[in-house]
């Protein structure tokens, strides 16, 4: 009986791990398609940009807090690109991705360009976007002293 229970536990655990890996692979595939459709034209096939311009492979946002990555993709970014002439700002527009597409492309980018496993769901993305927007509204409404 104990051997049977151990065998059942082993099979259930193996199936759960297989399903998790299958879900992760599926998310990576969907994320790759979103990246190809929307991101590749500026960031290139591998994230190194076009002639070094718009290189995102070395950006800390891919290695840091997942909320920073999600808000960068969802709401856009601006900053100095080291490959551009001094003083010229680079801007990435906000993209109106569905929450699941944003979760998929963020997970894909983190894996392919930073070697990082990041599993996000649409619910995670919604919560991150809502928190970001609430903080932005709080800052706007709070009078400066």
C-alpha atoms as a PDB file:
ATOM      1  CA  UNK A   1       0.000   0.000   0.000  1.00  0.00           C
ATOM      2  CA  UNK A   2       2.792   2.403   0.918  1.00  0.00           C
ATOM      3  CA  UNK A   3       4.571   1.634  -2.374  1.00  0.00           C
ATOM      4  CA  UNK A   4       1.345   2.277  -4.287  1.00  0.00           C
ATOM      5  CA  UNK A   5       0.810   5.642  -2.569  1.00  0.00           C
ATOM      6  CA  UNK A   6       4.446   6.586  -3.233  1.00  0.00           C
ATOM      7  CA  UNK A   7       4.027   5.667  -6.901  1.00  0.00           C
ATOM      8  CA  UNK A   8       0.831   7.704  -7.193  1.00  0.00           C
ATOM      9  CA  UNK A   9       2.488  10.696  -5.529  1.00  0.00           C
ATOM     10  CA  UNK A  10       5.431  10.402  -7.917  1.00  0.00           C
ATOM     11  CA  UNK A  11       3.154  10.292 -10.986  1.00  0.00           C
ATOM     12  CA  UNK A  12       1.058  13.254  -9.787  1.00  0.00           C
ATOM     13  CA  UNK A  13       4.192  15.312  -9.090  1.00  0.00           C
ATOM     14  CA  UNK A  14       5.708  14.420 -12.467  1.00  0.00           C
ATOM     15  CA  UNK A  15       2.467  15.397 -14.246  1.00  0.00           C
ATOM     16  CA  UNK A  16       2.311  18.714 -12.401  1.00  0.00           C
ATOM     17  CA  UNK A  17       5.921  19.487 -13.312  1.00  0.00           C
ATOM     18  CA  UNK A  18       5.307  18.481 -16.930  1.00  0.00           C
ATOM     19  CA  UNK A  19       2.213  20.708 -17.106  1.00  0.00           C
ATOM     20  CA  UNK A  20       4.155  23.622 -15.620  1.00  0.00           C
ATOM     21  CA  UNK A  21       6.943  23.172 -18.172  1.00  0.00           C
ATOM     22  CA  UNK A  22       4.381  22.863 -20.979  1.00  0.00           C
ATOM     23  CA  UNK A  23       2.643  26.055 -19.806  1.00  0.00           C
ATOM     24  CA  UNK A  24       6.000  27.861 -19.654  1.00  0.00           C
ATOM     25  CA  UNK A  25       6.926  26.693 -23.170  1.00  0.00           C
ATOM     26  CA  UNK A  26       3.526  27.785 -24.457  1.00  0.00           C
ATOM     27  CA  UNK A  27       3.945  31.199 -22.831  1.00  0.00           C
ATOM     28  CA  UNK A  28       7.408  31.529 -24.391  1.00  0.00           C
ATOM     29  CA  UNK A  29       6.004  30.697 -27.833  1.00  0.00           C
ATOM     30  CA  UNK A  30       3.184  33.223 -27.505  1.00  0.00           C
ATOM     31  CA  UNK A  31       5.624  35.822 -26.172  1.00  0.00           C
ATOM     32  CA  UNK A  32       7.956  35.255 -29.105  1.00  0.00           C
ATOM     33  CA  UNK A  33       5.114  35.910 -31.537  1.00  0.00           C
ATOM     34  CA  UNK A  34       4.212  39.168 -29.773  1.00  0.00           C
ATOM     35  CA  UNK A  35       7.891  40.184 -29.761  1.00  0.00           C
ATOM     36  CA  UNK A  36       8.244  39.458 -33.489  1.00  0.00           C
ATOM     37  CA  UNK A  37       5.067  41.410 -34.293  1.00  0.00           C
ATOM     38  CA  UNK A  38       5.703  44.507 -32.158  1.00  0.00           C
ATOM     39  CA  UNK A  39       9.216  44.678 -30.728  1.00  0.00           C
ATOM     40  CA  UNK A  40      11.606  43.212 -33.273  1.00  0.00           C
ATOM     41  CA  UNK A  41      11.427  46.157 -35.688  1.00  0.00           C
ATOM     42  CA  UNK A  42      13.215  48.384 -33.150  1.00  0.00           C
ATOM     43  CA  UNK A  43      14.980  45.952 -30.815  1.00  0.00           C
ATOM     44  CA  UNK A  44      16.082  43.411 -33.437  1.00  0.00           C
ATOM     45  CA  UNK A  45      15.762  39.648 -33.450  1.00  0.00           C
ATOM     46  CA  UNK A  46      17.842  39.140 -30.318  1.00  0.00           C
ATOM     47  CA  UNK A  47      17.256  42.407 -28.439  1.00  0.00           C
ATOM     48  CA  UNK A  48      20.549  43.989 -29.494  1.00  0.00           C
ATOM     49  CA  UNK A  49      18.727  46.600 -31.543  1.00  0.00           C
ATOM     50  CA  UNK A  50      19.555  47.851 -34.980  1.00  0.00           C
ATOM     51  CA  UNK A  51      23.284  48.724 -35.156  1.00  0.00           C
ATOM     52  CA  UNK A  52      23.328  48.828 -31.357  1.00  0.00           C
ATOM     53  CA  UNK A  53      20.527  51.406 -31.285  1.00  0.00           C
ATOM     54  CA  UNK A  54      17.663  50.407 -28.986  1.00  0.00           C
ATOM     55  CA  UNK A  55      19.667  47.570 -27.446  1.00  0.00           C
ATOM     56  CA  UNK A  56      17.651  46.155 -24.574  1.00  0.00           C
ATOM     57  CA  UNK A  57      19.774  43.116 -23.734  1.00  0.00           C
ATOM     58  CA  UNK A  58      21.862  45.032 -21.218  1.00  0.00           C
ATOM     59  CA  UNK A  59      18.984  46.932 -19.636  1.00  0.00           C
ATOM     60  CA  UNK A  60      18.509  46.376 -15.925  1.00  0.00           C
ATOM     61  CA  UNK A  61      14.750  46.283 -16.362  1.00  0.00           C
ATOM     62  CA  UNK A  62      15.057  42.768 -17.804  1.00  0.00           C
ATOM     63  CA  UNK A  63      16.891  41.535 -14.708  1.00  0.00           C
ATOM     64  CA  UNK A  64      15.148  43.477 -11.975  1.00  0.00           C
ATOM     65  CA  UNK A  65      11.680  43.781 -10.591  1.00  0.00           C
ATOM     66  CA  UNK A  66       9.016  42.241 -12.828  1.00  0.00           C
ATOM     67  CA  UNK A  67       6.757  45.232 -12.113  1.00  0.00           C
ATOM     68  CA  UNK A  68       9.316  47.565 -13.716  1.00  0.00           C
ATOM     69  CA  UNK A  69       9.433  45.389 -16.826  1.00  0.00           C
ATOM     70  CA  UNK A  70       5.647  45.229 -17.108  1.00  0.00           C
ATOM     71  CA  UNK A  71       5.174  48.979 -16.612  1.00  0.00           C
ATOM     72  CA  UNK A  72       7.935  49.780 -19.124  1.00  0.00           C
ATOM     73  CA  UNK A  73       6.243  47.679 -21.786  1.00  0.00           C
ATOM     74  CA  UNK A  74       2.715  48.793 -20.873  1.00  0.00           C
ATOM     75  CA  UNK A  75       3.318  52.517 -20.440  1.00  0.00           C
ATOM     76  CA  UNK A  76       6.456  53.125 -22.506  1.00  0.00           C
ATOM     77  CA  UNK A  77       9.831  54.544 -21.575  1.00  0.00           C
ATOM     78  CA  UNK A  78      12.117  57.412 -22.344  1.00  0.00           C
ATOM     79  CA  UNK A  79      15.790  57.915 -21.667  1.00  0.00           C
ATOM     80  CA  UNK A  80      19.243  58.361 -23.081  1.00  0.00           C
ATOM     81  CA  UNK A  81      20.337  55.577 -25.414  1.00  0.00           C
ATOM     82  CA  UNK A  82      24.132  55.166 -25.222  1.00  0.00           C
ATOM     83  CA  UNK A  83      24.234  54.349 -28.956  1.00  0.00           C
ATOM     84  CA  UNK A  84      22.684  57.693 -29.896  1.00  0.00           C
ATOM     85  CA  UNK A  85      24.482  61.042 -30.104  1.00  0.00           C
ATOM     86  CA  UNK A  86      24.834  62.752 -26.742  1.00  0.00           C
ATOM     87  CA  UNK A  87      21.774  64.567 -25.492  1.00  0.00           C
ATOM     88  CA  UNK A  88      19.251  62.855 -27.770  1.00  0.00           C
ATOM     89  CA  UNK A  89      16.540  60.990 -25.948  1.00  0.00           C
ATOM     90  CA  UNK A  90      15.103  57.679 -27.089  1.00  0.00           C
ATOM     91  CA  UNK A  91      11.446  56.903 -26.557  1.00  0.00           C
ATOM     92  CA  UNK A  92       9.576  53.631 -26.578  1.00  0.00           C
ATOM     93  CA  UNK A  93       5.832  54.113 -26.980  1.00  0.00           C
ATOM     94  CA  UNK A  94       3.271  52.429 -24.801  1.00  0.00           C
ATOM     95  CA  UNK A  95       1.674  49.424 -26.445  1.00  0.00           C
ATOM     96  CA  UNK A  96      -1.992  48.547 -25.899  1.00  0.00           C
ATOM     97  CA  UNK A  97      -1.324  44.858 -25.354  1.00  0.00           C
ATOM     98  CA  UNK A  98      -3.910  42.612 -23.826  1.00  0.00           C
ATOM     99  CA  UNK A  99      -2.785  41.649 -20.333  1.00  0.00           C
ATOM    100  CA  UNK A 100      -2.005  38.061 -21.379  1.00  0.00           C
ATOM    101  CA  UNK A 101       0.067  39.242 -24.375  1.00  0.00           C
ATOM    102  CA  UNK A 102       2.018  41.582 -22.110  1.00  0.00           C
ATOM    103  CA  UNK A 103       2.642  38.749 -19.632  1.00  0.00           C
ATOM    104  CA  UNK A 104       3.830  36.514 -22.453  1.00  0.00           C
ATOM    105  CA  UNK A 105       6.176  39.035 -24.098  1.00  0.00           C
ATOM    106  CA  UNK A 106       7.660  40.105 -20.742  1.00  0.00           C
ATOM    107  CA  UNK A 107       8.344  36.468 -19.845  1.00  0.00           C
ATOM    108  CA  UNK A 108       9.851  35.822 -23.287  1.00  0.00           C
ATOM    109  CA  UNK A 109      12.087  38.900 -23.169  1.00  0.00           C
ATOM    110  CA  UNK A 110      13.333  38.090 -19.664  1.00  0.00           C
ATOM    111  CA  UNK A 111      14.141  34.512 -20.668  1.00  0.00           C
ATOM    112  CA  UNK A 112      15.728  35.183 -24.058  1.00  0.00           C
ATOM    113  CA  UNK A 113      17.661  38.337 -23.239  1.00  0.00           C
ATOM    114  CA  UNK A 114      18.480  37.996 -19.569  1.00  0.00           C
ATOM    115  CA  UNK A 115      18.443  34.220 -19.061  1.00  0.00           C
ATOM    116  CA  UNK A 116      15.823  34.714 -16.366  1.00  0.00           C
ATOM    117  CA  UNK A 117      12.749  32.603 -15.685  1.00  0.00           C
ATOM    118  CA  UNK A 118       9.795  34.902 -15.222  1.00  0.00           C
ATOM    119  CA  UNK A 119       6.287  33.508 -15.201  1.00  0.00           C
ATOM    120  CA  UNK A 120       3.578  36.153 -15.282  1.00  0.00           C
ATOM    121  CA  UNK A 121      -0.157  35.795 -15.656  1.00  0.00           C
ATOM    122  CA  UNK A 122      -2.716  38.234 -17.012  1.00  0.00           C
ATOM    123  CA  UNK A 123      -3.885  38.754 -13.414  1.00  0.00           C
ATOM    124  CA  UNK A 124      -0.317  39.659 -12.371  1.00  0.00           C
ATOM    125  CA  UNK A 125      -0.118  42.211 -15.188  1.00  0.00           C
ATOM    126  CA  UNK A 126      -3.504  43.720 -14.287  1.00  0.00           C
ATOM    127  CA  UNK A 127      -2.450  44.104 -10.652  1.00  0.00           C
ATOM    128  CA  UNK A 128       0.905  45.679 -11.596  1.00  0.00           C
ATOM    129  CA  UNK A 129      -0.728  48.134 -14.028  1.00  0.00           C
ATOM    130  CA  UNK A 130      -3.408  49.081 -11.504  1.00  0.00           C
ATOM    131  CA  UNK A 131      -0.844  49.706  -8.750  1.00  0.00           C
ATOM    132  CA  UNK A 132       1.260  51.808 -11.123  1.00  0.00           C
ATOM    133  CA  UNK A 133      -1.722  53.901 -12.226  1.00  0.00           C
ATOM    134  CA  UNK A 134      -2.918  54.374  -8.635  1.00  0.00           C
ATOM    135  CA  UNK A 135       0.545  55.583  -7.606  1.00  0.00           C
ATOM    136  CA  UNK A 136       0.672  57.974 -10.571  1.00  0.00           C
ATOM    137  CA  UNK A 137      -2.740  59.394  -9.640  1.00  0.00           C
ATOM    138  CA  UNK A 138      -1.698  59.754  -6.003  1.00  0.00           C
ATOM    139  CA  UNK A 139       1.370  61.751  -7.055  1.00  0.00           C
ATOM    140  CA  UNK A 140      -0.693  64.010  -9.296  1.00  0.00           C
ATOM    141  CA  UNK A 141      -3.269  64.686  -6.579  1.00  0.00           C
ATOM    142  CA  UNK A 142      -0.811  65.212  -3.733  1.00  0.00           C
ATOM    143  CA  UNK A 143       0.061  68.909  -3.457  1.00  0.00           C
ATOM    144  CA  UNK A 144       3.758  69.734  -3.276  1.00  0.00           C
ATOM    145  CA  UNK A 145       4.914  71.445  -0.105  1.00  0.00           C
END
